[in-house]
Amino acid sequence: MSKEKPSIAWPTMSKFVGQLNHDLRNHLNAIELQAALLGEIAPNDEMREEIRRLRGMTGELGADLQKLSRLMKEPRLQTMPYSARELVEDVRGKVAENESVLALAIEWRNSLGEEMLEIDPQLVEEALLELFANAAAHGRTSGPVIFEAEARRDAIVFTLREPKKDFAGTTENWGSQPFERISHGHYGLGLHRVRVILEAHHGTFTAQFDPAESVLVTAVCLPRLVS
């Protein structure tokens, strides 16, 4: 007689990851303290350099654990009226700071005026930046990446068009299936985090691949703040 596999609620899993993060970071902090002590008593520069590298490795691991915990958390919104145009400029500035090849390839089309949103700016910015990070990491081909921001009657729409020669898989339920695609350092949580943030703002998040144009079109729609 086969047993049903247990179904674990997302908040329960998120709580587990948070606790695991806390426990492992306690161990990492102890390693860091020990390494700092060894660095002080190391007999030569070569050994001190190796200890410095060890401390760097533990620091990177700690940062990865923090990122994982953040991606798993349910967003807690602190909303405020915020200019949609200013949001785009905030994101554009952050993308430019990365000085990546993608940043140089983006064509910005911002036709917004004085339209306002009721959002948590930090979280929505995080979601939009994740879309750019995803575009940079997954199969972008030559050609401009186009980001367009426009106002509609009751919404603000942000559209990202990425050139992609080959696209495997489906865009159905885009970002709603975490852990579906896992690789070294990536756990299929980025787009899921984007969807969770946008849906918490009563927004929508969709994607569609156009095989004729070889372009992946991702659309974010957020309700406008009506005065």
C-alpha atoms as a PDB file:
ATOM      1  CA  MET A   1       0.000   0.000   0.000  1.00  0.00           C
ATOM      2  CA  SER A   2       1.623   3.247  -1.161  1.00  0.00           C
ATOM      3  CA  LYS A   3       1.756   6.214   1.165  1.00  0.00           C
ATOM      4  CA  GLU A   4       0.952   9.753   0.061  1.00  0.00           C
ATOM      5  CA  LYS A   5       3.913  12.078  -0.055  1.00  0.00           C
ATOM      6  CA  PRO A   6       3.593  14.878   2.494  1.00  0.00           C
ATOM      7  CA  SER A   7       2.578  18.278   1.177  1.00  0.00           C
ATOM      8  CA  ILE A   8       4.449  21.081   2.937  1.00  0.00           C
ATOM      9  CA  ALA A   9       2.977  24.580   3.004  1.00  0.00           C
ATOM     10  CA  TRP A  10       5.223  27.384   1.734  1.00  0.00           C
ATOM     11  CA  PRO A  11       5.216  29.324   5.048  1.00  0.00           C
ATOM     12  CA  THR A  12       6.361  26.155   6.833  1.00  0.00           C
ATOM     13  CA  MET A  13       9.177  25.639   4.338  1.00  0.00           C
ATOM     14  CA  SER A  14      10.145  29.300   4.589  1.00  0.00           C
ATOM     15  CA  LYS A  15      10.287  29.062   8.377  1.00  0.00           C
ATOM     16  CA  PHE A  16      12.466  25.945   8.120  1.00  0.00           C
ATOM     17  CA  VAL A  17      14.915  27.635   5.735  1.00  0.00           C
ATOM     18  CA  GLY A  18      15.076  30.680   8.017  1.00  0.00           C
ATOM     19  CA  GLN A  19      15.886  28.530  11.033  1.00  0.00           C
ATOM     20  CA  LEU A  20      18.431  26.476   9.097  1.00  0.00           C
ATOM     21  CA  ASN A  21      20.027  29.714   7.925  1.00  0.00           C
ATOM     22  CA  HIS A  22      20.246  30.948  11.513  1.00  0.00           C
ATOM     23  CA  ASP A  23      21.786  27.695  12.773  1.00  0.00           C
ATOM     24  CA  LEU A  24      24.365  27.469   9.994  1.00  0.00           C
ATOM     25  CA  ARG A  25      25.317  31.122  10.352  1.00  0.00           C
ATOM     26  CA  ASN A  26      26.055  30.506  14.025  1.00  0.00           C
ATOM     27  CA  HIS A  27      28.583  27.881  12.959  1.00  0.00           C
ATOM     28  CA  LEU A  28      30.001  30.195  10.291  1.00  0.00           C
ATOM     29  CA  ASN A  29      30.395  32.983  12.832  1.00  0.00           C
ATOM     30  CA  ALA A  30      32.348  30.618  15.080  1.00  0.00           C
ATOM     31  CA  ILE A  31      34.597  29.663  12.142  1.00  0.00           C
ATOM     32  CA  GLU A  32      35.091  33.349  11.327  1.00  0.00           C
ATOM     33  CA  LEU A  33      36.142  34.143  14.893  1.00  0.00           C
ATOM     34  CA  GLN A  34      38.550  31.225  14.938  1.00  0.00           C
ATOM     35  CA  ALA A  35      40.012  32.244  11.578  1.00  0.00           C
ATOM     36  CA  ALA A  36      40.453  35.821  12.802  1.00  0.00           C
ATOM     37  CA  LEU A  37      42.399  34.516  15.815  1.00  0.00           C
ATOM     38  CA  LEU A  38      44.574  32.326  13.595  1.00  0.00           C
ATOM     39  CA  GLY A  39      45.242  35.336  11.384  1.00  0.00           C
ATOM     40  CA  GLU A  40      46.620  37.228  14.352  1.00  0.00           C
ATOM     41  CA  ILE A  41      49.023  34.470  15.390  1.00  0.00           C
ATOM     42  CA  ALA A  42      49.991  33.244  11.922  1.00  0.00           C
ATOM     43  CA  PRO A  43      53.798  33.111  11.615  1.00  0.00           C
ATOM     44  CA  ASN A  44      54.125  34.477   8.074  1.00  0.00           C
ATOM     45  CA  ASP A  45      52.392  36.463   5.336  1.00  0.00           C
ATOM     46  CA  GLU A  46      51.656  33.400   3.206  1.00  0.00           C
ATOM     47  CA  MET A  47      49.657  31.741   5.962  1.00  0.00           C
ATOM     48  CA  ARG A  48      47.856  34.996   6.767  1.00  0.00           C
ATOM     49  CA  GLU A  49      46.850  35.281   3.096  1.00  0.00           C
ATOM     50  CA  GLU A  50      45.412  31.744   3.112  1.00  0.00           C
ATOM     51  CA  ILE A  51      43.447  32.537   6.266  1.00  0.00           C
ATOM     52  CA  ARG A  52      42.146  35.704   4.611  1.00  0.00           C
ATOM     53  CA  ARG A  53      40.891  33.593   1.709  1.00  0.00           C
ATOM     54  CA  LEU A  54      39.230  31.180   4.128  1.00  0.00           C
ATOM     55  CA  ARG A  55      37.408  34.080   5.777  1.00  0.00           C
ATOM     56  CA  GLY A  56      36.299  35.271   2.347  1.00  0.00           C
ATOM     57  CA  MET A  57      34.855  31.854   1.558  1.00  0.00           C
ATOM     58  CA  THR A  58      32.866  31.709   4.793  1.00  0.00           C
ATOM     59  CA  GLY A  59      31.617  35.239   4.092  1.00  0.00           C
ATOM     60  CA  GLU A  60      30.377  34.220   0.644  1.00  0.00           C
ATOM     61  CA  LEU A  61      28.622  31.184   2.063  1.00  0.00           C
ATOM     62  CA  GLY A  62      26.921  33.355   4.678  1.00  0.00           C
ATOM     63  CA  ALA A  63      25.758  35.773   1.974  1.00  0.00           C
ATOM     64  CA  ASP A  64      24.355  32.893  -0.101  1.00  0.00           C
ATOM     65  CA  LEU A  65      22.408  31.624   2.904  1.00  0.00           C
ATOM     66  CA  GLN A  66      20.978  35.078   3.543  1.00  0.00           C
ATOM     67  CA  LYS A  67      19.919  35.367  -0.102  1.00  0.00           C
ATOM     68  CA  LEU A  68      18.190  31.980   0.016  1.00  0.00           C
ATOM     69  CA  SER A  69      16.327  32.937   3.170  1.00  0.00           C
ATOM     70  CA  ARG A  70      15.242  36.253   1.601  1.00  0.00           C
ATOM     71  CA  LEU A  71      13.962  34.535  -1.551  1.00  0.00           C
ATOM     72  CA  MET A  72      11.864  32.180   0.557  1.00  0.00           C
ATOM     73  CA  LYS A  73      10.250  34.843   2.738  1.00  0.00           C
ATOM     74  CA  GLU A  74       6.722  36.074   2.182  1.00  0.00           C
ATOM     75  CA  PRO A  75       6.966  39.795   1.397  1.00  0.00           C
ATOM     76  CA  ARG A  76       5.716  42.192   4.055  1.00  0.00           C
ATOM     77  CA  LEU A  77       4.646  45.317   2.242  1.00  0.00           C
ATOM     78  CA  GLN A  78       5.158  48.846   3.518  1.00  0.00           C
ATOM     79  CA  THR A  79       3.394  50.748   0.772  1.00  0.00           C
ATOM     80  CA  MET A  80       3.421  54.423  -0.088  1.00  0.00           C
ATOM     81  CA  PRO A  81       2.453  56.587  -3.049  1.00  0.00           C
ATOM     82  CA  TYR A  82       5.385  56.470  -5.472  1.00  0.00           C
ATOM     83  CA  SER A  83       6.025  57.948  -8.896  1.00  0.00           C
ATOM     84  CA  ALA A  84       6.024  55.261 -11.591  1.00  0.00           C
ATOM     85  CA  ARG A  85       8.515  57.285 -13.618  1.00  0.00           C
ATOM     86  CA  GLU A  86      10.831  57.612 -10.610  1.00  0.00           C
ATOM     87  CA  LEU A  87      10.621  53.853 -10.051  1.00  0.00           C
ATOM     88  CA  VAL A  88      11.902  53.253 -13.587  1.00  0.00           C
ATOM     89  CA  GLU A  89      14.755  55.721 -13.043  1.00  0.00           C
ATOM     90  CA  ASP A  90      15.652  53.980  -9.762  1.00  0.00           C
ATOM     91  CA  VAL A  91      15.833  50.621 -11.536  1.00  0.00           C
ATOM     92  CA  ARG A  92      17.786  52.103 -14.451  1.00  0.00           C
ATOM     93  CA  GLY A  93      20.344  53.538 -12.052  1.00  0.00           C
ATOM     94  CA  LYS A  94      20.786  50.213 -10.242  1.00  0.00           C
ATOM     95  CA  VAL A  95      21.197  48.327 -13.526  1.00  0.00           C
ATOM     96  CA  ALA A  96      23.815  50.852 -14.676  1.00  0.00           C
ATOM     97  CA  GLU A  97      25.751  50.372 -11.423  1.00  0.00           C
ATOM     98  CA  ASN A  98      26.357  46.740 -12.386  1.00  0.00           C
ATOM     99  CA  GLU A  99      28.393  47.825 -15.430  1.00  0.00           C
ATOM    100  CA  SER A 100      27.468  44.562 -17.127  1.00  0.00           C
ATOM    101  CA  VAL A 101      27.226  43.783 -20.829  1.00  0.00           C
ATOM    102  CA  LEU A 102      23.456  43.615 -20.371  1.00  0.00           C
ATOM    103  CA  ALA A 103      23.345  47.152 -18.946  1.00  0.00           C
ATOM    104  CA  LEU A 104      24.961  48.470 -22.121  1.00  0.00           C
ATOM    105  CA  ALA A 105      22.503  46.552 -24.319  1.00  0.00           C
ATOM    106  CA  ILE A 106      19.279  47.853 -22.755  1.00  0.00           C
ATOM    107  CA  GLU A 107      17.099  50.255 -24.694  1.00  0.00           C
ATOM    108  CA  TRP A 108      14.914  52.228 -22.273  1.00  0.00           C
ATOM    109  CA  ARG A 109      11.521  53.444 -23.480  1.00  0.00           C
ATOM    110  CA  ASN A 110       9.844  55.414 -20.724  1.00  0.00           C
ATOM    111  CA  SER A 111       6.717  57.325 -21.765  1.00  0.00           C
ATOM    112  CA  LEU A 112       5.439  57.845 -18.218  1.00  0.00           C
ATOM    113  CA  GLY A 113       4.448  61.211 -16.862  1.00  0.00           C
ATOM    114  CA  GLU A 114       3.048  62.000 -13.428  1.00  0.00           C
ATOM    115  CA  GLU A 115       1.350  58.637 -12.848  1.00  0.00           C
ATOM    116  CA  MET A 116       1.564  57.259  -9.317  1.00  0.00           C
ATOM    117  CA  LEU A 117       1.613  53.775  -7.810  1.00  0.00           C
ATOM    118  CA  GLU A 118       0.769  52.549  -4.313  1.00  0.00           C
ATOM    119  CA  ILE A 119       3.722  50.226  -3.734  1.00  0.00           C
ATOM    120  CA  ASP A 120       6.558  49.132  -1.529  1.00  0.00           C
ATOM    121  CA  PRO A 121       9.285  50.699  -3.732  1.00  0.00           C
ATOM    122  CA  GLN A 122      12.096  48.512  -2.400  1.00  0.00           C
ATOM    123  CA  LEU A 123      10.232  45.283  -3.127  1.00  0.00           C
ATOM    124  CA  VAL A 124       8.992  46.278  -6.592  1.00  0.00           C
ATOM    125  CA  GLU A 125      12.495  47.463  -7.484  1.00  0.00           C
ATOM    126  CA  GLU A 126      13.816  44.084  -6.306  1.00  0.00           C
ATOM    127  CA  ALA A 127      11.317  42.302  -8.572  1.00  0.00           C
ATOM    128  CA  LEU A 128      12.207  44.354 -11.660  1.00  0.00           C
ATOM    129  CA  LEU A 129      15.948  43.972 -11.042  1.00  0.00           C
ATOM    130  CA  GLU A 130      15.487  40.209 -10.801  1.00  0.00           C
ATOM    131  CA  LEU A 131      13.989  40.242 -14.307  1.00  0.00           C
ATOM    132  CA  PHE A 132      17.135  41.920 -15.640  1.00  0.00           C
ATOM    133  CA  ALA A 133      19.359  39.480 -13.724  1.00  0.00           C
ATOM    134  CA  ASN A 134      17.378  36.597 -15.181  1.00  0.00           C
ATOM    135  CA  ALA A 135      17.735  38.030 -18.683  1.00  0.00           C
ATOM    136  CA  ALA A 136      21.507  38.309 -18.247  1.00  0.00           C
ATOM    137  CA  ALA A 137      21.866  34.753 -16.952  1.00  0.00           C
ATOM    138  CA  HIS A 138      19.706  32.724 -19.316  1.00  0.00           C
ATOM    139  CA  GLY A 139      20.414  32.435 -23.003  1.00  0.00           C
ATOM    140  CA  ARG A 140      20.292  36.024 -24.242  1.00  0.00           C
ATOM    141  CA  THR A 141      21.420  36.406 -27.854  1.00  0.00           C
ATOM    142  CA  SER A 142      22.744  39.465 -29.690  1.00  0.00           C
ATOM    143  CA  GLY A 143      20.476  42.434 -30.059  1.00  0.00           C
ATOM    144  CA  PRO A 144      19.007  45.047 -27.736  1.00  0.00           C
ATOM    145  CA  VAL A 145      17.022  44.245 -24.637  1.00  0.00           C
ATOM    146  CA  ILE A 146      14.050  46.596 -24.669  1.00  0.00           C
ATOM    147  CA  PHE A 147      12.409  47.804 -21.459  1.00  0.00           C
ATOM    148  CA  GLU A 148       9.235  49.790 -21.959  1.00  0.00           C
ATOM    149  CA  ALA A 149       7.154  51.597 -19.328  1.00  0.00           C
ATOM    150  CA  GLU A 150       3.742  52.930 -20.281  1.00  0.00           C
ATOM    151  CA  ALA A 151       0.558  54.128 -18.625  1.00  0.00           C
ATOM    152  CA  ARG A 152      -2.824  52.662 -19.395  1.00  0.00           C
ATOM    153  CA  ARG A 153      -6.214  53.722 -18.128  1.00  0.00           C
ATOM    154  CA  ASP A 154      -6.036  51.902 -14.814  1.00  0.00           C
ATOM    155  CA  ALA A 155      -2.546  50.381 -14.754  1.00  0.00           C
ATOM    156  CA  ILE A 156       1.161  50.881 -15.348  1.00  0.00           C
ATOM    157  CA  VAL A 157       2.721  48.246 -17.595  1.00  0.00           C
ATOM    158  CA  PHE A 158       6.421  47.378 -17.680  1.00  0.00           C
ATOM    159  CA  THR A 159       7.475  45.204 -20.610  1.00  0.00           C
ATOM    160  CA  LEU A 160      10.834  43.507 -21.057  1.00  0.00           C
ATOM    161  CA  ARG A 161      11.754  42.095 -24.470  1.00  0.00           C
ATOM    162  CA  GLU A 162      14.767  39.760 -24.541  1.00  0.00           C
ATOM    163  CA  PRO A 163      16.260  38.338 -27.753  1.00  0.00           C
ATOM    164  CA  LYS A 164      16.564  34.562 -27.434  1.00  0.00           C
ATOM    165  CA  LYS A 165      17.538  32.264 -30.276  1.00  0.00           C
ATOM    166  CA  ASP A 166      16.375  29.075 -28.589  1.00  0.00           C
ATOM    167  CA  PHE A 167      13.789  28.827 -25.874  1.00  0.00           C
ATOM    168  CA  ALA A 168      13.010  25.504 -24.240  1.00  0.00           C
ATOM    169  CA  GLY A 169      10.059  24.919 -21.985  1.00  0.00           C
ATOM    170  CA  THR A 170       6.831  26.777 -21.531  1.00  0.00           C
ATOM    171  CA  THR A 171       5.850  30.193 -20.219  1.00  0.00           C
ATOM    172  CA  GLU A 172       2.616  28.855 -18.770  1.00  0.00           C
ATOM    173  CA  ASN A 173       2.509  29.514 -15.020  1.00  0.00           C
ATOM    174  CA  TRP A 174       5.675  31.597 -15.403  1.00  0.00           C
ATOM    175  CA  GLY A 175       7.375  31.977 -12.043  1.00  0.00           C
ATOM    176  CA  SER A 176       4.829  29.892 -10.163  1.00  0.00           C
ATOM    177  CA  GLN A 177       6.875  26.683  -9.939  1.00  0.00           C
ATOM    178  CA  PRO A 178       9.875  27.148  -7.629  1.00  0.00           C
ATOM    179  CA  PHE A 179      12.654  24.540  -7.601  1.00  0.00           C
ATOM    180  CA  GLU A 180      11.641  23.439 -11.111  1.00  0.00           C
ATOM    181  CA  ARG A 181      15.010  24.357 -12.648  1.00  0.00           C
ATOM    182  CA  ILE A 182      17.981  23.899 -10.324  1.00  0.00           C
ATOM    183  CA  SER A 183      21.667  24.413 -11.035  1.00  0.00           C
ATOM    184  CA  HIS A 184      24.770  25.369  -9.079  1.00  0.00           C
ATOM    185  CA  GLY A 185      23.865  28.386  -6.964  1.00  0.00           C
ATOM    186  CA  HIS A 186      20.405  28.712  -8.541  1.00  0.00           C
ATOM    187  CA  TYR A 187      17.258  27.106  -7.163  1.00  0.00           C
ATOM    188  CA  GLY A 188      14.439  28.349  -9.372  1.00  0.00           C
ATOM    189  CA  LEU A 189      13.356  30.921  -6.804  1.00  0.00           C
ATOM    190  CA  GLY A 190      14.053  34.238  -8.537  1.00  0.00           C
ATOM    191  CA  LEU A 191      11.004  34.420 -10.810  1.00  0.00           C
ATOM    192  CA  HIS A 192       8.847  32.912  -8.086  1.00  0.00           C
ATOM    193  CA  ARG A 193       9.921  35.762  -5.807  1.00  0.00           C
ATOM    194  CA  VAL A 194       9.016  38.235  -8.567  1.00  0.00           C
ATOM    195  CA  ARG A 195       5.533  36.738  -8.896  1.00  0.00           C
ATOM    196  CA  VAL A 196       4.931  36.717  -5.149  1.00  0.00           C
ATOM    197  CA  ILE A 197       5.967  40.378  -4.810  1.00  0.00           C
ATOM    198  CA  LEU A 198       3.823  41.534  -7.729  1.00  0.00           C
ATOM    199  CA  GLU A 199       0.755  39.561  -6.709  1.00  0.00           C
ATOM    200  CA  ALA A 200       1.058  41.022  -3.202  1.00  0.00           C
ATOM    201  CA  HIS A 201       0.667  44.407  -4.950  1.00  0.00           C
ATOM    202  CA  HIS A 202      -2.429  43.117  -6.803  1.00  0.00           C
ATOM    203  CA  GLY A 203      -0.390  43.081  -9.994  1.00  0.00           C
ATOM    204  CA  THR A 204       0.106  40.493 -12.714  1.00  0.00           C
ATOM    205  CA  PHE A 205       3.198  38.840 -14.167  1.00  0.00           C
ATOM    206  CA  THR A 206       3.188  37.047 -17.509  1.00  0.00           C
ATOM    207  CA  ALA A 207       5.656  35.902 -20.163  1.00  0.00           C
ATOM    208  CA  GLN A 208       5.328  34.776 -23.762  1.00  0.00           C
ATOM    209  CA  PHE A 209       7.906  33.613 -26.282  1.00  0.00           C
ATOM    210  CA  ASP A 210       7.510  34.873 -29.834  1.00  0.00           C
ATOM    211  CA  PRO A 211       9.206  32.252 -32.062  1.00  0.00           C
ATOM    212  CA  ALA A 212       8.865  34.414 -35.188  1.00  0.00           C
ATOM    213  CA  GLU A 213      10.849  37.258 -33.618  1.00  0.00           C
ATOM    214  CA  SER A 214      12.882  35.012 -31.255  1.00  0.00           C
ATOM    215  CA  VAL A 215      11.973  37.282 -28.364  1.00  0.00           C
ATOM    216  CA  LEU A 216      10.821  36.508 -24.849  1.00  0.00           C
ATOM    217  CA  VAL A 217       8.301  39.145 -23.766  1.00  0.00           C
ATOM    218  CA  THR A 218       7.770  39.568 -20.026  1.00  0.00           C
ATOM    219  CA  ALA A 219       5.021  41.899 -18.822  1.00  0.00           C
ATOM    220  CA  VAL A 220       4.460  43.360 -15.361  1.00  0.00           C
ATOM    221  CA  CYS A 221       1.198  45.159 -14.720  1.00  0.00           C
ATOM    222  CA  LEU A 222       0.566  47.197 -11.546  1.00  0.00           C
ATOM    223  CA  PRO A 223      -2.619  49.107 -10.701  1.00  0.00           C
ATOM    224  CA  ARG A 224      -2.368  52.889 -10.892  1.00  0.00           C
ATOM    225  CA  LEU A 225      -3.033  55.012  -7.843  1.00  0.00           C
ATOM    226  CA  VAL A 226      -6.145  57.038  -8.561  1.00  0.00           C
ATOM    227  CA  SER A 227      -6.343  60.354  -6.718  1.00  0.00           C
END
